[in-house]
Amino acid sequence: MDHPLGHLVSVGGAEDKGTDLEKGIVQRNRLNFFELGILKTVISLSGKDNPRVEVITTASSIPDEVGQNYFDAFAKLGCNNVGHIRIRNREEVGHHEYIERLEACDCVMFSGGNQLRLSSIFGGTHFLDVLKHRYHSSKFVIAGTSAGAMAMSNTMIYEGNAALAHLKGEVKITTGLGLLQNVIIDTHFDKRGRFNRLAQAVAAQPGAIGIGLGEDTGVIVSNGDELKAIGSGCVVIIDGRKIEYNNIADIKFGQPISVENIIVHMMSKGDCYNLDKRKFLGAVIESDNED
């Protein structure tokens, strides 16, 4: 199968605005890494000086506030060609206006919030088909933060208490948007202590590679399988390919899981990893356009 021509940008969340916004606290002067890093990267990957960007706030419970904050952030970077796709339910996702705007833009940005809203509203729709076609056939950029990042994979965690994630059944999994295959993404990884949560998800599906994104941290995915770490924190890769003992299928719900021989990699800014080969590649020389 041919590699996608587009790029994915998955962000771990809390870029000095996302998490606070979901709590209803608008802090417009705290954009820092998000403004100068991730959004700058999204713009540069499009290959255009002033790309058309559509912000999709379906996951958020406060879409208008989140949308306005994105307008402000992109404007500070000199990008004023930004729209707000305010889809709230499956009836709206089929509107011709939204499909036309998706076909005309250069980038989309999925906000944070509740990733189950993304999978349940966009799953199986023409909108998602167009999104995937554009990603595979053109230099199209799909970015997502927090919930918007978690929904990119075909297998998606939608619930799971980090404190109980070592117990079978405490991590809930469903189908995401399917932009990345054989991958499971978790966000807010360091601050919320989600290693066990992602490890249980990988133990249940050892063919999938777990990607844990710390806050103020993300990955750029190129050619469908080339990951590059960006941002100020840590990206954790959990590979279950060589798991040996694994009791998750045999124990009762609520009992602690035991898993032998999970492979873990830790990546910082500039480090690369190949998903297809399951190989850590280390740091590469960065261009001036990437943060």
Protein backbone atom coordinates (compact mmCIF):
# COMPACT_ATOMS: atom_id res chain seq x y z
CA MET A 1 0.00 0.00 0.00
CA ASP A 2 1.26 3.49 -0.85
CA HIS A 3 2.24 5.73 2.03
CA PRO A 4 0.03 8.75 2.79
CA LEU A 5 1.26 12.00 1.30
CA GLY A 6 -0.03 14.05 4.20
CA HIS A 7 1.14 14.58 7.78
CA LEU A 8 -0.35 13.93 11.18
CA VAL A 9 0.53 16.04 14.21
CA SER A 10 -0.52 14.46 17.52
CA VAL A 11 -0.15 16.54 20.68
CA GLY A 12 -0.25 15.35 24.29
CA GLY A 13 -2.39 18.25 25.49
CA ALA A 14 -2.17 21.08 28.02
CA GLU A 15 -0.40 23.47 25.69
CA ASP A 16 -1.09 26.24 28.20
CA LYS A 17 -4.67 26.45 27.01
CA GLY A 18 -6.37 23.19 26.05
CA THR A 19 -6.93 21.61 29.45
CA ASP A 20 -7.77 24.92 31.11
CA LEU A 21 -10.30 25.68 28.41
CA GLU A 22 -12.05 22.38 28.95
CA LYS A 23 -12.41 23.43 32.61
CA GLY A 24 -13.93 26.71 31.46
CA ILE A 25 -10.88 28.86 32.24
CA VAL A 26 -9.79 31.01 29.31
CA GLN A 27 -6.13 32.03 29.65
CA ARG A 28 -5.37 33.80 26.41
CA ASN A 29 -1.90 34.98 27.38
CA ARG A 30 -0.55 31.50 28.11
CA LEU A 31 0.06 30.14 24.62
CA ASN A 32 3.86 29.74 24.82
CA PHE A 33 4.79 26.30 23.37
CA PHE A 34 1.42 25.78 21.73
CA GLU A 35 1.54 29.06 19.84
CA LEU A 36 5.21 29.04 18.90
CA GLY A 37 5.64 25.29 18.53
CA ILE A 38 2.74 23.10 17.48
CA LEU A 39 0.74 25.63 15.50
CA LYS A 40 3.89 26.88 13.79
CA THR A 41 4.68 23.28 12.86
CA VAL A 42 1.17 22.73 11.47
CA ILE A 43 1.50 25.82 9.29
CA SER A 44 4.97 24.90 8.04
CA LEU A 45 3.99 21.33 7.13
CA SER A 46 1.29 22.66 4.81
CA GLY A 47 3.99 24.23 2.63
CA LYS A 48 2.06 27.51 2.42
CA ASP A 49 2.67 30.90 4.01
CA ASN A 50 -0.99 31.44 4.92
CA PRO A 51 -2.76 28.06 4.66
CA ARG A 52 -6.48 27.60 5.06
CA VAL A 53 -7.00 25.99 8.47
CA GLU A 54 -10.26 24.54 9.78
CA VAL A 55 -10.55 24.05 13.55
CA ILE A 56 -12.87 21.19 14.51
CA THR A 57 -14.21 21.52 18.07
CA THR A 58 -16.58 18.55 18.09
CA ALA A 59 -14.83 16.98 21.10
CA SER A 60 -15.15 20.10 23.24
CA SER A 61 -17.97 21.02 25.61
CA ILE A 62 -17.21 24.73 25.06
CA PRO A 63 -16.66 24.90 21.29
CA ASP A 64 -17.07 28.65 20.82
CA GLU A 65 -14.49 29.56 23.45
CA VAL A 66 -12.05 26.97 22.15
CA GLY A 67 -12.58 28.09 18.57
CA GLN A 68 -11.94 31.73 19.44
CA ASN A 69 -8.75 30.85 21.26
CA TYR A 70 -7.47 29.06 18.14
CA PHE A 71 -8.31 32.11 16.03
CA ASP A 72 -6.25 34.26 18.40
CA ALA A 73 -3.32 31.82 18.47
CA PHE A 74 -3.11 31.40 14.70
CA ALA A 75 -3.46 35.17 14.21
CA LYS A 76 -0.40 35.76 16.39
CA LEU A 77 1.53 33.62 13.93
CA GLY A 78 0.28 35.66 11.00
CA CYS A 79 -2.24 33.02 9.88
CA ASN A 80 -5.67 34.63 9.55
CA ASN A 81 -7.23 32.21 7.09
CA VAL A 82 -8.86 30.10 9.82
CA GLY A 83 -12.38 28.70 10.04
CA HIS A 84 -14.38 26.93 12.72
CA ILE A 85 -16.18 23.69 11.83
CA ARG A 86 -18.66 23.51 14.69
CA ILE A 87 -20.09 20.00 14.26
CA ARG A 88 -22.04 18.87 17.34
CA ASN A 89 -23.88 15.71 16.19
CA ARG A 90 -24.19 13.16 13.37
CA GLU A 91 -26.95 15.15 11.67
CA GLU A 92 -24.62 18.10 11.17
CA VAL A 93 -21.60 16.07 10.03
CA GLY A 94 -23.16 15.51 6.60
CA HIS A 95 -23.84 19.16 5.80
CA HIS A 96 -22.52 20.08 2.34
CA GLU A 97 -20.94 23.27 3.67
CA TYR A 98 -18.65 21.30 6.00
CA ILE A 99 -17.68 18.82 3.29
CA GLU A 100 -16.84 21.66 0.89
CA ARG A 101 -14.75 23.41 3.52
CA LEU A 102 -12.92 20.17 4.29
CA GLU A 103 -12.14 19.69 0.60
CA ALA A 104 -10.88 23.29 0.26
CA CYS A 105 -8.65 23.63 3.33
CA ASP A 106 -4.97 22.79 3.80
CA CYS A 107 -5.06 21.73 7.46
CA VAL A 108 -7.53 20.66 10.10
CA MET A 109 -7.03 20.94 13.85
CA PHE A 110 -9.05 18.70 16.19
CA SER A 111 -9.38 20.26 19.63
CA GLY A 112 -9.33 18.47 22.97
CA GLY A 113 -12.34 17.32 24.95
CA ASN A 114 -14.00 13.91 24.80
CA GLN A 115 -12.55 11.55 22.19
CA LEU A 116 -15.67 9.37 22.27
CA ARG A 117 -17.56 12.29 20.73
CA LEU A 118 -15.16 12.21 17.79
CA SER A 119 -15.47 8.48 17.14
CA SER A 120 -19.24 8.34 17.66
CA ILE A 121 -20.00 11.42 15.54
CA PHE A 122 -17.51 10.98 12.66
CA GLY A 123 -17.30 7.18 12.48
CA GLY A 124 -18.63 5.75 9.20
CA THR A 125 -19.40 9.15 7.68
CA HIS A 126 -18.64 10.70 4.30
CA PHE A 127 -16.80 13.47 6.17
CA LEU A 128 -14.33 10.92 7.57
CA ASP A 129 -13.94 9.32 4.13
CA VAL A 130 -13.04 12.72 2.63
CA LEU A 131 -10.64 13.42 5.50
CA LYS A 132 -8.81 10.13 4.94
CA HIS A 133 -8.72 10.61 1.15
CA ARG A 134 -7.18 14.06 1.49
CA TYR A 135 -4.61 12.75 3.99
CA HIS A 136 -3.59 9.89 1.70
CA SER A 137 -3.63 11.73 -1.62
CA SER A 138 -2.27 15.23 -0.89
CA LYS A 139 0.05 17.25 1.33
CA PHE A 140 -2.75 17.62 3.84
CA VAL A 141 -2.12 18.21 7.55
CA ILE A 142 -4.29 16.73 10.29
CA ALA A 143 -3.43 17.93 13.78
CA GLY A 144 -5.05 17.02 17.07
CA THR A 145 -4.46 17.74 20.72
CA SER A 146 -5.47 15.57 23.69
CA ALA A 147 -8.73 13.91 22.61
CA GLY A 148 -8.03 14.99 19.04
CA ALA A 149 -4.73 13.08 19.16
CA MET A 150 -6.12 9.96 20.84
CA ALA A 151 -8.85 9.59 18.21
CA MET A 152 -6.34 9.40 15.34
CA SER A 153 -5.55 5.71 15.85
CA ASN A 154 -7.73 2.77 14.84
CA THR A 155 -7.73 1.53 18.45
CA MET A 156 -8.68 4.26 20.91
CA ILE A 157 -8.70 4.46 24.70
CA TYR A 158 -11.84 6.31 25.75
CA GLU A 159 -11.83 5.76 29.51
CA GLY A 160 -9.55 4.43 32.23
CA ASN A 161 -8.64 5.54 35.74
CA ALA A 162 -4.82 5.72 35.87
CA ALA A 163 -4.78 4.65 39.53
CA LEU A 164 -6.63 1.42 38.69
CA ALA A 165 -5.16 0.75 35.26
CA HIS A 166 -3.18 -2.27 36.46
CA LEU A 167 -6.51 -4.09 36.97
CA LYS A 168 -8.14 -5.97 34.12
CA GLY A 169 -11.15 -4.19 32.66
CA GLU A 170 -10.32 -0.73 33.99
CA VAL A 171 -9.12 0.47 30.57
CA LYS A 172 -11.91 0.95 28.02
CA ILE A 173 -11.10 0.65 24.31
CA THR A 174 -13.09 1.29 21.16
CA THR A 175 -12.47 2.14 17.50
CA GLY A 176 -11.02 5.56 16.68
CA LEU A 177 -10.88 7.47 13.39
CA GLY A 178 -8.37 5.04 11.86
CA LEU A 179 -5.84 7.51 10.49
CA LEU A 180 -3.08 5.36 12.01
CA GLN A 181 -3.24 1.57 12.00
CA ASN A 182 -1.89 -0.76 14.70
CA VAL A 183 -1.28 2.14 17.08
CA ILE A 184 -2.82 3.25 20.39
CA ILE A 185 -2.25 6.86 21.49
CA ASP A 186 -2.56 8.15 25.04
CA THR A 187 -2.12 11.77 26.12
CA HIS A 188 -1.34 13.81 29.26
CA PHE A 189 0.91 10.81 29.74
CA ASP A 190 3.40 11.96 32.37
CA LYS A 191 1.30 14.34 34.45
CA ARG A 192 -1.61 11.92 34.82
CA GLY A 193 0.52 8.80 35.28
CA ARG A 194 -0.92 6.81 32.39
CA PHE A 195 1.83 4.27 31.75
CA ASN A 196 -0.19 1.36 33.19
CA ARG A 197 -3.22 2.47 31.19
CA LEU A 198 -1.38 2.32 27.88
CA ALA A 199 0.48 -0.86 28.89
CA GLN A 200 -2.81 -2.67 29.55
CA ALA A 201 -4.15 -1.54 26.18
CA VAL A 202 -1.03 -2.92 24.47
CA ALA A 203 -1.19 -6.15 26.51
CA ALA A 204 -4.73 -6.67 25.20
CA GLN A 205 -3.56 -5.98 21.62
CA PRO A 206 0.20 -6.74 21.39
CA GLY A 207 0.17 -6.09 17.65
CA ALA A 208 -0.43 -2.41 18.36
CA ILE A 209 2.28 0.06 19.32
CA GLY A 210 1.46 2.33 22.24
CA ILE A 211 2.40 6.01 21.94
CA GLY A 212 2.32 7.99 25.17
CA LEU A 213 2.46 11.76 24.66
CA GLY A 214 3.50 14.00 27.54
CA GLU A 215 2.06 17.46 27.93
CA ASP A 216 3.56 20.17 25.73
CA THR A 217 4.82 17.28 23.60
CA GLY A 218 3.80 15.58 20.39
CA VAL A 219 4.82 13.65 17.30
CA ILE A 220 4.82 14.42 13.60
CA VAL A 221 3.84 11.37 11.53
CA SER A 222 5.18 11.38 7.96
CA ASN A 223 4.69 8.71 5.27
CA GLY A 224 2.25 6.96 7.58
CA ASP A 225 4.95 5.30 9.70
CA GLU A 226 7.72 7.78 10.51
CA LEU A 227 7.40 9.42 13.92
CA LYS A 228 9.37 12.45 15.04
CA ALA A 229 9.13 13.81 18.59
CA ILE A 230 8.50 17.54 19.03
CA GLY A 231 8.00 19.76 22.03
CA SER A 232 9.41 20.09 25.51
CA GLY A 233 8.65 16.72 27.10
CA CYS A 234 8.81 12.97 26.55
CA VAL A 235 7.21 10.56 24.08
CA VAL A 236 6.99 6.98 25.34
CA ILE A 237 6.77 4.06 22.91
CA ILE A 238 5.38 0.74 24.25
CA ASP A 239 5.97 -2.24 21.94
CA GLY A 240 4.22 -5.52 22.77
CA ARG A 241 5.60 -7.57 19.89
CA LYS A 242 7.92 -9.63 22.12
CA ILE A 243 5.54 -10.11 25.03
CA GLU A 244 5.90 -13.62 26.45
CA TYR A 245 3.87 -14.30 29.60
CA ASN A 246 0.58 -12.40 29.55
CA ASN A 247 -2.32 -13.28 31.87
CA ILE A 248 -4.86 -10.71 30.72
CA ALA A 249 -7.07 -13.27 28.93
CA ASP A 250 -7.17 -15.68 31.86
CA ILE A 251 -7.80 -13.55 34.96
CA LYS A 252 -11.11 -12.17 36.17
CA PHE A 253 -12.12 -8.54 35.80
CA GLY A 254 -10.67 -6.45 38.60
CA GLN A 255 -7.59 -8.63 39.08
CA PRO A 256 -4.06 -7.24 38.42
CA ILE A 257 -2.48 -8.08 35.10
CA SER A 258 0.97 -9.63 34.63
CA VAL A 259 2.92 -9.04 31.44
CA GLU A 260 6.47 -10.11 30.61
CA ASN A 261 8.93 -8.44 28.28
CA ILE A 262 7.26 -5.22 27.17
CA ILE A 263 9.69 -3.06 25.16
CA VAL A 264 9.75 0.62 26.14
CA HIS A 265 11.47 3.52 24.37
CA MET A 266 11.66 7.14 25.56
CA MET A 267 11.93 9.87 22.94
CA SER A 268 12.75 13.56 23.31
CA LYS A 269 12.62 16.39 20.79
CA GLY A 270 14.13 15.35 17.46
CA ASP A 271 14.14 11.60 18.11
CA CYS A 272 12.54 9.41 15.45
CA TYR A 273 10.84 6.03 15.41
CA ASN A 274 9.67 3.85 12.52
CA LEU A 275 6.29 2.25 13.21
CA ASP A 276 6.49 -0.28 10.39
CA LYS A 277 9.94 -1.55 11.38
CA ARG A 278 9.33 -0.98 15.11
CA LYS A 279 12.71 0.66 15.33
CA PHE A 280 14.01 3.53 17.43
CA LEU A 281 16.13 5.75 15.18
CA GLY A 282 17.34 8.40 17.59
CA ALA A 283 17.80 12.08 16.83
CA VAL A 284 18.03 13.58 13.39
CA ILE A 285 19.00 17.08 12.30
CA GLU A 286 15.99 19.37 12.66
CA SER A 287 14.97 22.06 10.23
CA ASP A 288 14.36 25.63 11.32
CA ASN A 289 10.62 25.18 10.78
CA GLU A 290 10.11 22.53 13.41
CA ASP A 291 9.76 23.04 17.16
